[in-house]
Amino acid sequence: MKTARNLKAISKILFILLLLLATIIGSIFSYLILAGYYLSLGVEVPEKTTVSITGANLDTQNTETFSITVLNPTYSPTEAKITEIWVATADNQTHKVTNIDPQLPHQLDKGQETTFNCDWSWADYTSQKLKIIVLVEDGSGAVYEVETAAVGLEITAAVFTTTDTQHFNLTVRNAEGSASDMNVTKISVTMENGTEFQVRETTPSIPELIAVGTTTRFYCSWNWTTYRGLNATINVYTSEGYGFHRTETTPKPAQLSITDPVFSTSDMTAFNITVKNSDNSLVSANITTVKLLFADSSTLEVSVESPPDLPYTLPIGDTVTLKCLWDWTNYREEGIAIMVETPEGYLGYLQYTVP
């Protein structure tokens, strides 16, 4: 009886050993089949750890982040240690992503796949191709190309009028082909020296949702009286992380206009114009020059018969009539532009067809 039990126990042990041996042989055989499959495709089983990026997600509702999924294949010879993630943009610049979850370095076992959430704003790179680069310690990294969404929000107009220096009008459009609706949450103005002014009152008030294919006109409160004649960049920001910009030059401190041109056939050696310095100007205008601009882009400075003599100081709200000496006999029915200028760059301009 005892001998029979011993034989039975030995048989069980041998059976277990045979199962283990069969498992080992099966694993080796499976590896050989897998390696043979890749070799049949002309793909060599890598000697170094090689990872791949299997997908990337850039959410149009949150441009401050993106995510990528990285795989360390089962045929990889070792674990993979992810050390860095970079983004290459269309302007040939590379940007290191510093805030990543899970944190780097991060180890991927063979056959393991992990999604990395990256804090990096791609708002300024819409409708562009980005290359996401993953670096691996002692191995081959991966590059994944992705095209960001087309976001069609555009500032189509920014208008400053001299009759109202406390406000400006802003037109914003979300184009038909835009990826999503946009929620405007902030409007500001940045001057050339970097000073930024936040627009605190708008009509309609913000936040304001601009649907795809629609246009919104904002009436913005900002006192630009002391910033006349300067470049101002209007900024529109959305809750999705996008920023859109447009630069305009505010009207100059003196606004000149030319009216009532008189070309009389009784005297074709001269013509008269009336120049006005707007009631909304802040300063007097020192008129020094009258010029003509022709269709071929050439210009001609013309003399002015006194009185008045040039230079002539034109007060705010006043007008002056100038008799300009120019023989226009050979320019009849031609289009010209008449310009009056000041040393400060204030310009009066009128397009006119010689009778």
Protein backbone atom coordinates (compact mmCIF):
# COMPACT_ATOMS: atom_id res chain seq x y z
CA MET A 1 0.00 0.00 0.00
CA LYS A 2 2.78 2.40 0.94
CA THR A 3 4.65 1.63 -2.26
CA ALA A 4 1.52 2.28 -4.29
CA ARG A 5 1.04 5.65 -2.67
CA ASN A 6 4.65 6.61 -3.36
CA LEU A 7 4.28 5.65 -6.98
CA LYS A 8 1.11 7.70 -7.21
CA ALA A 9 2.84 10.77 -5.72
CA ILE A 10 5.81 10.36 -8.08
CA SER A 11 3.39 10.14 -11.01
CA LYS A 12 1.73 13.42 -9.99
CA ILE A 13 5.11 15.13 -9.70
CA LEU A 14 6.16 13.86 -13.11
CA PHE A 15 2.86 15.04 -14.58
CA ILE A 16 3.35 18.54 -13.15
CA LEU A 17 6.92 18.64 -14.47
CA LEU A 18 5.71 17.58 -17.89
CA LEU A 19 3.09 20.36 -17.84
CA LEU A 20 5.74 22.93 -16.92
CA LEU A 21 8.02 21.65 -19.65
CA ALA A 22 5.20 21.80 -22.19
CA THR A 23 4.42 25.40 -21.13
CA ILE A 24 8.07 26.42 -21.55
CA ILE A 25 8.31 24.72 -24.92
CA GLY A 26 5.02 26.31 -25.99
CA SER A 27 6.28 29.78 -25.01
CA ILE A 28 9.48 29.28 -26.95
CA PHE A 29 7.52 27.95 -29.91
CA SER A 30 5.12 30.95 -29.77
CA TYR A 31 8.03 33.36 -29.70
CA LEU A 32 9.61 31.64 -32.68
CA ILE A 33 6.32 31.83 -34.58
CA LEU A 34 5.95 35.55 -33.70
CA ALA A 35 9.54 36.32 -34.61
CA GLY A 36 9.14 34.33 -37.82
CA TYR A 37 5.99 36.30 -38.64
CA TYR A 38 7.78 39.63 -38.31
CA LEU A 39 10.76 38.30 -40.26
CA SER A 40 8.39 37.14 -43.03
CA LEU A 41 7.16 40.71 -43.22
CA GLY A 42 10.69 41.98 -43.54
CA VAL A 43 10.55 43.40 -40.02
CA GLU A 44 13.41 42.57 -37.71
CA VAL A 45 12.75 42.03 -34.04
CA PRO A 46 14.50 45.05 -32.51
CA GLU A 47 17.61 44.66 -30.44
CA LYS A 48 16.84 47.89 -28.56
CA THR A 49 13.67 48.92 -26.83
CA THR A 50 11.34 50.58 -29.31
CA VAL A 51 8.08 52.25 -28.33
CA SER A 52 5.23 53.53 -30.51
CA ILE A 53 2.60 56.22 -30.10
CA THR A 54 -0.74 54.59 -30.84
CA GLY A 55 -2.90 57.72 -30.61
CA ALA A 56 -3.16 61.39 -29.68
CA ASN A 57 -6.10 63.45 -28.49
CA LEU A 58 -6.34 67.25 -28.81
CA ASP A 59 -9.69 68.42 -27.48
CA THR A 60 -10.96 71.60 -29.20
CA GLN A 61 -12.74 72.53 -25.96
CA ASN A 62 -9.47 72.62 -24.02
CA THR A 63 -6.36 73.74 -25.87
CA GLU A 64 -4.24 73.84 -22.72
CA THR A 65 -3.63 70.08 -22.76
CA PHE A 66 -3.33 67.04 -25.00
CA SER A 67 -2.91 63.33 -24.39
CA ILE A 68 -0.96 60.56 -26.12
CA THR A 69 -0.96 56.80 -25.71
CA VAL A 70 2.42 55.05 -25.79
CA LEU A 71 2.92 51.29 -26.27
CA ASN A 72 5.94 49.17 -25.44
CA PRO A 73 5.34 46.17 -27.77
CA THR A 74 5.43 42.59 -26.53
CA TYR A 75 8.38 41.86 -28.82
CA SER A 76 10.42 44.65 -27.23
CA PRO A 77 13.58 43.17 -25.65
CA THR A 78 13.26 45.09 -22.35
CA GLU A 79 11.11 47.47 -20.36
CA ALA A 80 10.99 51.03 -21.72
CA LYS A 81 11.75 54.08 -19.58
CA ILE A 82 10.01 57.16 -21.02
CA THR A 83 12.20 60.17 -20.20
CA GLU A 84 10.91 63.20 -22.16
CA ILE A 85 8.07 64.38 -24.38
CA TRP A 86 8.52 67.21 -26.91
CA VAL A 87 6.36 68.96 -29.51
CA ALA A 88 7.75 70.21 -32.84
CA THR A 89 5.67 72.96 -34.46
CA ALA A 90 5.36 74.08 -38.08
CA ASP A 91 7.70 77.05 -37.46
CA ASN A 92 10.56 74.57 -36.87
CA GLN A 93 10.58 75.19 -33.12
CA THR A 94 10.64 72.42 -30.51
CA HIS A 95 8.89 72.73 -27.16
CA LYS A 96 9.59 70.53 -24.14
CA VAL A 97 6.50 69.42 -22.24
CA THR A 98 7.31 69.81 -18.55
CA ASN A 99 4.03 69.00 -16.80
CA ILE A 100 2.98 65.40 -17.54
CA ASP A 101 0.75 62.87 -15.80
CA PRO A 102 2.02 60.27 -15.00
CA GLN A 103 5.30 62.00 -14.23
CA LEU A 104 8.48 61.21 -16.12
CA PRO A 105 10.60 59.19 -16.13
CA HIS A 106 7.97 56.44 -16.37
CA GLN A 107 8.59 52.75 -16.99
CA LEU A 108 6.53 50.71 -19.45
CA ASP A 109 6.75 46.94 -19.15
CA LYS A 110 6.78 44.82 -22.29
CA GLY A 111 3.31 44.83 -23.79
CA GLN A 112 2.18 47.72 -21.58
CA GLU A 113 0.31 50.74 -22.93
CA THR A 114 -0.04 54.02 -20.99
CA THR A 115 -1.79 57.33 -21.72
CA PHE A 116 0.14 60.49 -20.82
CA ASN A 117 -1.75 63.74 -20.16
CA CYS A 118 0.41 66.70 -21.18
CA ASP A 119 -0.08 70.32 -20.07
CA TRP A 120 1.00 72.31 -23.13
CA SER A 121 -1.06 74.96 -24.90
CA TRP A 122 -1.51 74.42 -28.63
CA ALA A 123 -3.98 77.31 -29.02
CA ASP A 124 -1.56 79.26 -31.25
CA TYR A 125 -1.04 76.28 -33.55
CA THR A 126 -4.53 75.57 -34.86
CA SER A 127 -4.86 74.21 -38.42
CA GLN A 128 -1.22 73.11 -38.29
CA LYS A 129 0.67 69.84 -38.21
CA LEU A 130 2.45 69.04 -34.95
CA LYS A 131 5.01 66.31 -34.34
CA ILE A 132 4.85 64.77 -30.87
CA ILE A 133 8.17 63.20 -29.88
CA VAL A 134 8.66 60.62 -27.13
CA LEU A 135 12.22 59.92 -25.93
CA VAL A 136 13.26 56.61 -24.35
CA GLU A 137 16.31 55.85 -22.24
CA ASP A 138 18.71 53.49 -24.07
CA GLY A 139 16.18 52.85 -26.79
CA SER A 140 14.37 54.20 -29.82
CA GLY A 141 11.72 56.83 -29.23
CA ALA A 142 8.66 57.58 -31.32
CA VAL A 143 7.31 60.45 -33.43
CA TYR A 144 3.61 60.98 -34.05
CA GLU A 145 2.24 63.58 -36.47
CA VAL A 146 -1.15 65.11 -35.78
CA GLU A 147 -3.05 67.96 -37.43
CA THR A 148 -4.76 70.35 -35.03
CA ALA A 149 -8.36 71.36 -35.53
CA ALA A 150 -9.34 74.25 -37.77
CA VAL A 151 -10.69 76.97 -35.53
CA GLY A 152 -12.09 79.79 -37.60
CA LEU A 153 -12.68 82.54 -35.05
CA GLU A 154 -11.50 85.81 -36.59
CA ILE A 155 -11.56 89.49 -35.68
CA THR A 156 -12.85 90.86 -38.96
CA ALA A 157 -12.99 94.54 -37.95
CA ALA A 158 -11.92 96.90 -35.17
CA VAL A 159 -13.19 100.44 -35.70
CA PHE A 160 -12.19 103.58 -33.79
CA THR A 161 -14.23 106.67 -34.66
CA THR A 162 -13.15 110.21 -33.81
CA THR A 163 -16.66 111.10 -32.64
CA ASP A 164 -16.38 108.67 -29.72
CA THR A 165 -13.00 108.19 -28.07
CA GLN A 166 -14.53 106.28 -25.15
CA HIS A 167 -15.47 103.21 -27.19
CA PHE A 168 -14.58 101.13 -30.22
CA ASN A 169 -16.49 98.58 -32.29
CA LEU A 170 -15.28 95.01 -32.67
CA THR A 171 -16.60 92.39 -35.10
CA VAL A 172 -15.81 88.72 -34.42
CA ARG A 173 -16.78 85.83 -36.70
CA ASN A 174 -16.70 82.07 -36.17
CA ALA A 175 -16.29 80.70 -39.70
CA GLU A 176 -18.40 77.98 -41.28
CA GLY A 177 -15.53 75.50 -41.24
CA SER A 178 -14.65 76.03 -37.59
CA ALA A 179 -14.36 72.92 -35.43
CA SER A 180 -16.71 74.13 -32.70
CA ASP A 181 -18.60 77.01 -31.11
CA MET A 182 -16.38 79.48 -29.24
CA ASN A 183 -17.14 81.14 -25.89
CA VAL A 184 -15.58 84.63 -25.71
CA THR A 185 -14.61 85.36 -22.11
CA LYS A 186 -12.12 88.24 -22.32
CA ILE A 187 -11.34 91.23 -24.57
CA SER A 188 -8.25 93.39 -24.04
CA VAL A 189 -6.10 95.98 -25.81
CA THR A 190 -2.28 95.85 -25.88
CA MET A 191 -0.19 98.90 -26.79
CA GLU A 192 3.18 98.84 -28.53
CA ASN A 193 5.04 99.14 -25.20
CA GLY A 194 3.32 95.99 -23.90
CA THR A 195 0.81 97.75 -21.64
CA GLU A 196 -2.45 95.78 -21.66
CA PHE A 197 -5.87 97.21 -20.84
CA GLN A 198 -8.76 94.89 -20.09
CA VAL A 199 -12.09 95.88 -21.63
CA ARG A 200 -14.48 95.62 -18.68
CA GLU A 201 -17.73 96.63 -20.35
CA THR A 202 -19.04 95.31 -23.64
CA THR A 203 -22.38 95.10 -25.42
CA PRO A 204 -23.31 92.29 -25.59
CA SER A 205 -21.68 91.42 -22.29
CA ILE A 206 -19.17 88.61 -22.03
CA PRO A 207 -18.99 85.66 -21.78
CA GLU A 208 -20.66 85.44 -25.19
CA LEU A 209 -21.02 82.21 -27.17
CA ILE A 210 -20.33 82.59 -30.91
CA ALA A 211 -21.75 79.63 -32.80
CA VAL A 212 -20.12 78.20 -35.91
CA GLY A 213 -20.99 80.30 -38.94
CA THR A 214 -22.17 83.35 -36.98
CA THR A 215 -20.86 86.87 -36.33
CA THR A 216 -21.04 88.99 -33.16
CA ARG A 217 -20.40 92.74 -32.94
CA PHE A 218 -19.14 94.05 -29.62
CA TYR A 219 -19.41 97.68 -28.52
CA CYS A 220 -16.38 97.99 -26.23
CA SER A 221 -15.74 100.61 -23.55
CA TRP A 222 -12.14 101.87 -23.50
CA ASN A 223 -10.92 105.47 -23.32
CA TRP A 224 -8.33 105.76 -26.08
CA THR A 225 -8.14 109.59 -26.12
CA THR A 226 -4.51 109.67 -24.98
CA TYR A 227 -3.56 106.79 -27.33
CA ARG A 228 -4.47 108.44 -30.63
CA GLY A 229 -2.24 107.73 -33.59
CA LEU A 230 -0.78 104.60 -31.99
CA ASN A 231 -0.89 100.91 -32.88
CA ALA A 232 -3.29 99.00 -30.64
CA THR A 233 -3.63 95.21 -30.70
CA ILE A 234 -7.11 93.97 -29.82
CA ASN A 235 -7.12 90.54 -28.17
CA VAL A 236 -10.08 88.16 -27.94
CA TYR A 237 -9.79 85.13 -25.66
CA THR A 238 -12.10 82.15 -25.27
CA SER A 239 -12.81 79.71 -22.46
CA GLU A 240 -11.42 76.95 -24.69
CA GLY A 241 -7.97 78.53 -24.45
CA TYR A 242 -7.78 80.24 -27.83
CA GLY A 243 -6.47 83.76 -28.36
CA PHE A 244 -7.13 85.88 -31.45
CA HIS A 245 -5.53 89.23 -32.27
CA ARG A 246 -5.84 92.19 -34.64
CA THR A 247 -3.71 95.35 -34.76
CA GLU A 248 -5.20 98.70 -35.75
CA THR A 249 -3.89 102.27 -35.66
CA THR A 250 -6.13 104.62 -33.71
CA PRO A 251 -7.04 107.92 -35.42
CA LYS A 252 -4.38 110.60 -35.16
CA PRO A 253 -4.78 113.61 -32.82
CA ALA A 254 -5.63 115.85 -35.77
CA GLN A 255 -8.11 114.67 -38.41
CA LEU A 256 -7.93 116.53 -41.71
CA SER A 257 -10.45 116.33 -44.51
CA ILE A 258 -10.48 117.84 -48.02
CA THR A 259 -13.76 118.98 -49.55
CA ASP A 260 -15.15 121.17 -52.32
CA PRO A 261 -12.49 120.82 -55.04
CA VAL A 262 -12.96 123.49 -57.71
CA PHE A 263 -11.44 123.02 -61.17
CA SER A 264 -12.58 125.91 -63.36
CA THR A 265 -12.07 125.77 -67.12
CA SER A 266 -11.67 129.55 -67.07
CA ASP A 267 -8.31 129.02 -65.33
CA MET A 268 -6.76 125.62 -65.96
CA THR A 269 -3.50 126.53 -64.24
CA ALA A 270 -4.90 126.22 -60.72
CA PHE A 271 -7.61 124.62 -58.56
CA ASN A 272 -9.07 125.28 -55.14
CA ILE A 273 -9.65 122.93 -52.19
CA THR A 274 -11.13 123.39 -48.73
CA VAL A 275 -9.34 121.75 -45.81
CA LYS A 276 -10.97 121.17 -42.41
CA ASN A 277 -9.47 120.21 -39.07
CA SER A 278 -12.16 118.07 -37.45
CA ASP A 279 -14.14 119.24 -34.43
CA ASN A 280 -12.99 115.98 -32.81
CA SER A 281 -9.29 116.72 -33.25
CA LEU A 282 -7.19 117.24 -30.14
CA VAL A 283 -4.62 119.60 -31.64
CA SER A 284 -4.21 122.22 -34.34
CA ALA A 285 -2.79 121.05 -37.67
CA ASN A 286 0.28 122.70 -39.19
CA ILE A 287 -0.26 122.29 -42.96
CA THR A 288 3.04 122.37 -44.83
CA THR A 289 2.53 120.50 -48.10
CA VAL A 290 -0.03 119.86 -50.82
CA LYS A 291 0.67 116.89 -53.12
CA LEU A 292 -0.95 115.12 -56.04
CA LEU A 293 -0.87 111.35 -56.50
CA PHE A 294 -1.29 109.99 -60.03
CA ALA A 295 -2.46 106.62 -61.36
CA ASP A 296 1.12 105.49 -62.00
CA SER A 297 1.91 106.11 -58.28
CA SER A 298 4.07 109.13 -59.04
CA THR A 299 3.58 112.25 -56.90
CA LEU A 300 3.91 115.97 -57.45
CA GLU A 301 4.19 118.68 -54.81
CA VAL A 302 2.24 121.78 -55.85
CA SER A 303 2.66 125.39 -54.75
CA VAL A 304 -0.07 127.29 -52.90
CA GLU A 305 -0.84 130.89 -53.75
CA SER A 306 -0.97 133.20 -50.73
CA PRO A 307 -2.89 134.09 -48.79
CA PRO A 308 -2.53 131.93 -46.86
CA ASP A 309 1.14 131.09 -46.91
CA LEU A 310 2.33 127.62 -46.04
CA PRO A 311 3.03 126.44 -43.46
CA TYR A 312 -0.42 127.30 -42.14
CA THR A 313 -1.76 126.44 -38.68
CA LEU A 314 -5.35 125.25 -38.87
CA PRO A 315 -7.13 125.37 -35.48
CA ILE A 316 -9.49 122.63 -34.26
CA GLY A 317 -12.84 122.87 -36.06
CA ASP A 318 -11.67 125.50 -38.59
CA THR A 319 -11.47 125.39 -42.40
CA VAL A 320 -9.19 127.06 -44.93
CA THR A 321 -9.40 127.39 -48.72
CA LEU A 322 -6.16 126.85 -50.62
CA LYS A 323 -5.49 127.88 -54.23
CA CYS A 324 -3.13 125.26 -55.66
CA LEU A 325 -1.01 126.12 -58.70
CA TRP A 326 -0.98 123.26 -61.23
CA ASP A 327 -1.64 123.19 -64.95
CA TRP A 328 -4.16 120.38 -65.37
CA THR A 329 -4.80 120.93 -69.10
CA ASN A 330 -3.32 117.54 -70.05
CA TYR A 331 -4.94 115.61 -67.17
CA ARG A 332 -8.61 116.06 -67.94
CA GLU A 333 -10.84 113.08 -67.07
CA GLU A 334 -7.94 111.42 -65.22
CA GLY A 335 -8.18 110.20 -61.64
CA ILE A 336 -5.89 111.81 -59.10
CA ALA A 337 -5.58 111.98 -55.32
CA ILE A 338 -5.12 115.29 -53.52
CA MET A 339 -3.23 115.21 -50.23
CA VAL A 340 -2.39 117.77 -47.57
CA GLU A 341 0.33 116.89 -45.06
CA THR A 342 1.76 118.06 -41.75
CA PRO A 343 5.20 117.36 -40.18
CA GLU A 344 3.45 115.23 -37.53
CA GLY A 345 2.10 112.90 -40.22
CA TYR A 346 -1.51 114.10 -40.20
CA LEU A 347 -2.96 113.59 -43.65
CA GLY A 348 -5.96 114.90 -45.55
CA TYR A 349 -6.87 112.84 -48.63
CA LEU A 350 -9.37 113.14 -51.46
CA GLN A 351 -9.75 111.08 -54.63
CA TYR A 352 -11.03 113.11 -57.57
CA THR A 353 -11.46 112.89 -61.34
CA VAL A 354 -10.24 116.00 -63.15
CA PRO A 355 -13.19 117.44 -65.15
